[in-house]
N, C-alpha and C. Protein backbone atom coordinates (compact mmCIF):
# COMPACT_ATOMS: atom_id res chain seq x y z
N MET A 1 3.99 19.07 -1.99
CA MET A 1 2.56 18.95 -1.74
C MET A 1 2.24 17.52 -1.30
N ARG A 2 1.51 17.40 -0.24
CA ARG A 2 1.15 16.09 0.29
C ARG A 2 -0.17 15.63 -0.32
N MET A 3 -0.16 14.41 -0.81
CA MET A 3 -1.37 13.87 -1.42
C MET A 3 -1.66 12.49 -0.83
N GLY A 4 -2.90 12.10 -0.92
CA GLY A 4 -3.27 10.77 -0.46
C GLY A 4 -3.81 9.93 -1.61
N GLN A 5 -3.49 8.65 -1.58
CA GLN A 5 -3.98 7.72 -2.57
C GLN A 5 -4.49 6.48 -1.84
N THR A 6 -5.52 5.88 -2.38
CA THR A 6 -6.01 4.62 -1.82
C THR A 6 -5.89 3.54 -2.87
N LEU A 7 -5.27 2.44 -2.51
CA LEU A 7 -5.15 1.29 -3.40
C LEU A 7 -6.04 0.17 -2.90
N THR A 8 -6.57 -0.61 -3.81
CA THR A 8 -7.28 -1.82 -3.45
C THR A 8 -6.24 -2.94 -3.39
N VAL A 9 -6.23 -3.69 -2.29
CA VAL A 9 -5.26 -4.76 -2.11
C VAL A 9 -6.01 -6.05 -1.78
N GLU A 10 -5.88 -7.04 -2.64
CA GLU A 10 -6.52 -8.33 -2.43
C GLU A 10 -5.54 -9.30 -1.80
N GLY A 11 -6.02 -10.09 -0.85
CA GLY A 11 -5.19 -11.14 -0.26
C GLY A 11 -4.78 -10.90 1.18
N MET A 12 -5.02 -9.70 1.71
CA MET A 12 -4.70 -9.46 3.12
C MET A 12 -5.79 -10.10 3.98
N SER A 13 -5.37 -10.83 5.02
CA SER A 13 -6.36 -11.50 5.87
C SER A 13 -6.15 -11.24 7.36
N CYS A 14 -5.10 -10.48 7.72
CA CYS A 14 -4.81 -10.28 9.14
C CYS A 14 -3.92 -9.06 9.34
N GLY A 15 -3.66 -8.76 10.58
CA GLY A 15 -2.79 -7.63 10.91
C GLY A 15 -1.38 -7.80 10.38
N HIS A 16 -0.89 -9.03 10.37
CA HIS A 16 0.45 -9.27 9.83
C HIS A 16 0.51 -8.92 8.35
N CYS A 17 -0.55 -9.26 7.63
CA CYS A 17 -0.63 -8.91 6.21
C CYS A 17 -0.59 -7.39 6.03
N GLU A 18 -1.35 -6.70 6.87
CA GLU A 18 -1.36 -5.24 6.81
C GLU A 18 0.04 -4.68 7.01
N GLN A 19 0.75 -5.21 8.00
CA GLN A 19 2.10 -4.73 8.29
C GLN A 19 3.04 -5.01 7.12
N THR A 20 2.90 -6.17 6.49
CA THR A 20 3.73 -6.51 5.34
C THR A 20 3.53 -5.50 4.21
N VAL A 21 2.27 -5.16 3.94
CA VAL A 21 1.96 -4.19 2.88
C VAL A 21 2.49 -2.81 3.26
N GLU A 22 2.28 -2.40 4.50
CA GLU A 22 2.77 -1.09 4.94
C GLU A 22 4.29 -1.02 4.84
N ASP A 23 4.98 -2.08 5.24
CA ASP A 23 6.44 -2.11 5.17
C ASP A 23 6.91 -2.04 3.72
N ALA A 24 6.23 -2.74 2.83
CA ALA A 24 6.60 -2.72 1.41
C ALA A 24 6.46 -1.31 0.84
N LEU A 25 5.38 -0.63 1.22
CA LEU A 25 5.15 0.71 0.69
C LEU A 25 6.08 1.75 1.30
N SER A 26 6.54 1.52 2.52
CA SER A 26 7.41 2.50 3.16
C SER A 26 8.75 2.63 2.43
N GLY A 27 9.10 1.62 1.63
CA GLY A 27 10.34 1.67 0.87
C GLY A 27 10.23 2.39 -0.46
N VAL A 28 9.04 2.84 -0.83
CA VAL A 28 8.83 3.51 -2.10
C VAL A 28 9.12 5.01 -1.93
N SER A 29 9.88 5.55 -2.86
CA SER A 29 10.22 6.97 -2.82
C SER A 29 8.96 7.82 -2.85
N GLY A 30 8.87 8.78 -1.93
CA GLY A 30 7.73 9.69 -1.88
C GLY A 30 6.65 9.30 -0.89
N VAL A 31 6.75 8.09 -0.32
CA VAL A 31 5.73 7.66 0.65
C VAL A 31 6.06 8.24 2.02
N GLU A 32 5.10 8.96 2.58
CA GLU A 32 5.26 9.51 3.93
C GLU A 32 4.69 8.56 4.97
N SER A 33 3.57 7.92 4.62
CA SER A 33 2.97 6.94 5.52
C SER A 33 2.03 6.04 4.73
N ALA A 34 1.78 4.86 5.29
CA ALA A 34 0.85 3.92 4.67
C ALA A 34 0.05 3.25 5.77
N SER A 35 -1.26 3.12 5.55
CA SER A 35 -2.13 2.50 6.53
C SER A 35 -3.03 1.49 5.82
N ALA A 36 -2.76 0.21 6.06
CA ALA A 36 -3.52 -0.86 5.42
C ALA A 36 -4.66 -1.33 6.31
N ASP A 37 -5.73 -1.80 5.68
CA ASP A 37 -6.89 -2.32 6.39
C ASP A 37 -7.38 -3.57 5.67
N HIS A 38 -7.13 -4.74 6.27
CA HIS A 38 -7.51 -5.98 5.57
C HIS A 38 -9.01 -6.15 5.46
N GLU A 39 -9.78 -5.56 6.38
CA GLU A 39 -11.23 -5.71 6.33
C GLU A 39 -11.84 -4.99 5.13
N SER A 40 -11.23 -3.88 4.72
CA SER A 40 -11.74 -3.15 3.56
C SER A 40 -10.92 -3.43 2.30
N SER A 41 -9.93 -4.30 2.42
CA SER A 41 -9.04 -4.65 1.29
C SER A 41 -8.45 -3.41 0.64
N SER A 42 -7.95 -2.51 1.50
CA SER A 42 -7.39 -1.27 0.96
C SER A 42 -6.19 -0.80 1.78
N VAL A 43 -5.42 0.08 1.17
CA VAL A 43 -4.33 0.76 1.87
C VAL A 43 -4.35 2.22 1.44
N THR A 44 -4.24 3.10 2.42
CA THR A 44 -4.19 4.53 2.16
C THR A 44 -2.75 4.98 2.30
N VAL A 45 -2.26 5.66 1.27
CA VAL A 45 -0.86 6.08 1.23
C VAL A 45 -0.81 7.60 1.18
N GLU A 46 -0.04 8.20 2.09
CA GLU A 46 0.17 9.65 2.08
C GLU A 46 1.54 9.93 1.48
N GLY A 47 1.61 10.95 0.64
CA GLY A 47 2.86 11.33 0.01
C GLY A 47 2.64 11.56 -1.47
N ASP A 48 3.73 11.70 -2.21
CA ASP A 48 3.62 12.01 -3.64
C ASP A 48 4.22 10.90 -4.51
N ALA A 49 4.12 9.67 -4.05
CA ALA A 49 4.65 8.53 -4.79
C ALA A 49 3.82 8.24 -6.03
N ASP A 50 4.47 7.66 -7.03
CA ASP A 50 3.81 7.27 -8.26
C ASP A 50 2.94 6.04 -8.01
N ALA A 51 1.68 6.08 -8.48
CA ALA A 51 0.74 4.98 -8.23
C ALA A 51 1.26 3.65 -8.77
N ALA A 52 1.89 3.67 -9.94
CA ALA A 52 2.41 2.43 -10.52
C ALA A 52 3.49 1.82 -9.64
N GLU A 53 4.32 2.66 -9.02
CA GLU A 53 5.36 2.16 -8.11
C GLU A 53 4.74 1.56 -6.86
N LEU A 54 3.65 2.16 -6.37
CA LEU A 54 2.97 1.63 -5.19
C LEU A 54 2.39 0.25 -5.49
N VAL A 55 1.70 0.13 -6.63
CA VAL A 55 1.12 -1.16 -7.01
C VAL A 55 2.23 -2.20 -7.15
N SER A 56 3.33 -1.84 -7.77
CA SER A 56 4.44 -2.76 -7.96
C SER A 56 5.00 -3.24 -6.62
N ALA A 57 5.15 -2.33 -5.67
CA ALA A 57 5.69 -2.69 -4.36
C ALA A 57 4.77 -3.67 -3.63
N VAL A 58 3.47 -3.43 -3.71
CA VAL A 58 2.51 -4.33 -3.06
C VAL A 58 2.54 -5.70 -3.72
N GLU A 59 2.60 -5.72 -5.05
CA GLU A 59 2.64 -6.99 -5.77
C GLU A 59 3.91 -7.76 -5.46
N GLU A 60 5.04 -7.06 -5.33
CA GLU A 60 6.30 -7.72 -4.97
C GLU A 60 6.21 -8.33 -3.57
N ALA A 61 5.35 -7.77 -2.72
CA ALA A 61 5.18 -8.30 -1.36
C ALA A 61 4.23 -9.50 -1.35
N GLY A 62 3.64 -9.82 -2.52
CA GLY A 62 2.82 -11.02 -2.62
C GLY A 62 1.31 -10.82 -2.65
N TYR A 63 0.88 -9.58 -2.86
CA TYR A 63 -0.55 -9.28 -2.87
C TYR A 63 -0.93 -8.66 -4.21
N ASP A 64 -2.20 -8.80 -4.59
CA ASP A 64 -2.71 -8.16 -5.80
C ASP A 64 -3.16 -6.75 -5.44
N ALA A 65 -2.76 -5.77 -6.26
CA ALA A 65 -3.10 -4.39 -5.96
C ALA A 65 -3.53 -3.67 -7.23
N SER A 66 -4.39 -2.67 -7.04
CA SER A 66 -4.77 -1.79 -8.14
C SER A 66 -5.03 -0.39 -7.59
N ALA A 67 -4.73 0.59 -8.42
CA ALA A 67 -4.88 2.00 -8.00
C ALA A 67 -6.30 2.47 -8.24
C-alpha cells in the first residue's frame, strides 16, 4: 500500500538543500519518492517508510525534521 507523509524540515534555504534532503530520504527503506520544498519548510514522502527513520535520515543530512 502506498502512503504519503509530510515532514517539517527546518534549515533548507535553496534548491541544493532540497536535493540534499531528497537524496537522504531516497536511501531509506520503503521510500518511493521524496519532494522537498524549502519555501514551505517541508518534504512530502511517498511510500511506506517509518516516520522515525525519515526524521533520522533528514537529521543525519544536517537539517532539523519532525513528523
